[in-house]
Amino acid sequence: MNNALAKAGNDSNESGRLADEAQTAEYIGDLVIQLERLARSQGLVQLQYLLGACREEAQKISGGGKAA
């Protein structure tokens, strides 16, 4: 999936967290992109729309700009 989250697991900080906020949002965004594509392939328009909004929010938080 995402190397950033795997790397974060190796560099965990003292609080025991696996990743920071941006890394977590990036990982969630990657998952949501897959779900969005699945919804699109099945014609689930409203679900695709909602997942698109989730993707955009995750990208905003992570600072990323990937397109679906």
Protein backbone atom coordinates (compact mmCIF):
# COMPACT_ATOMS: atom_id res chain seq x y z
CA MET A 1 0.00 0.00 0.00
CA ASN A 2 1.92 2.91 1.35
CA ASN A 3 5.57 2.95 2.27
CA ALA A 4 5.16 6.05 4.45
CA LEU A 5 3.08 4.15 7.02
CA ALA A 6 5.49 1.21 7.02
CA LYS A 7 8.43 3.58 7.53
CA ALA A 8 6.56 5.35 10.29
CA GLY A 9 6.19 2.03 12.09
CA ASN A 10 9.98 1.73 12.18
CA ASP A 11 10.43 5.33 13.38
CA SER A 12 7.69 5.32 16.03
CA ASN A 13 7.94 8.03 18.64
CA GLU A 14 7.83 7.73 22.43
CA SER A 15 4.04 7.83 22.63
CA GLY A 16 3.83 4.52 20.77
CA ARG A 17 2.07 5.98 17.75
CA LEU A 18 2.73 4.31 14.41
CA ALA A 19 2.32 7.41 12.27
CA ASP A 20 1.70 11.12 12.48
CA GLU A 21 -1.49 12.83 11.33
CA ALA A 22 -0.30 13.46 7.76
CA GLN A 23 0.91 9.88 7.30
CA THR A 24 -2.33 8.48 8.67
CA ALA A 25 -4.40 10.72 6.39
CA GLU A 26 -2.28 9.66 3.40
CA TYR A 27 -2.86 5.98 4.18
CA ILE A 28 -6.60 6.50 4.65
CA GLY A 29 -6.67 8.46 1.39
CA ASP A 30 -5.05 5.53 -0.44
CA LEU A 31 -7.67 3.16 0.94
CA VAL A 32 -10.50 5.54 0.07
CA ILE A 33 -9.26 5.83 -3.53
CA GLN A 34 -9.63 2.07 -3.89
CA LEU A 35 -13.11 2.14 -2.37
CA GLU A 36 -14.08 5.05 -4.61
CA ARG A 37 -13.00 3.10 -7.71
CA LEU A 38 -14.96 0.08 -6.52
CA ALA A 39 -18.08 2.20 -5.97
CA ARG A 40 -17.66 3.76 -9.44
CA SER A 41 -17.33 0.32 -11.08
CA GLN A 42 -20.62 -0.76 -9.49
CA GLY A 43 -22.50 2.43 -10.33
CA LEU A 44 -22.89 3.48 -6.68
CA VAL A 45 -22.97 7.18 -7.49
CA GLN A 46 -23.85 8.62 -4.08
CA LEU A 47 -21.31 6.42 -2.32
CA GLN A 48 -18.69 7.40 -4.90
CA TYR A 49 -19.47 11.05 -4.24
CA LEU A 50 -19.13 10.66 -0.47
CA LEU A 51 -15.89 8.71 -0.81
CA GLY A 52 -14.60 11.46 -3.12
CA ALA A 53 -15.23 13.99 -0.36
CA CYS A 54 -13.34 11.76 2.08
CA ARG A 55 -10.46 11.45 -0.38
CA GLU A 56 -10.25 15.22 -0.80
CA GLU A 57 -10.22 15.75 2.97
CA ALA A 58 -7.49 13.14 3.44
CA GLN A 59 -5.41 14.76 0.69
CA LYS A 60 -5.86 18.17 2.29
CA ILE A 61 -4.68 16.88 5.66
CA SER A 62 -1.75 14.91 4.24
CA GLY A 63 -0.66 17.63 1.85
CA GLY A 64 -0.92 15.23 -1.07
CA GLY A 65 -2.45 15.85 -4.46
CA LYS A 66 -3.08 12.42 -6.01
CA ALA A 67 -5.96 12.07 -8.43
CA ALA A 68 -8.34 9.11 -8.32
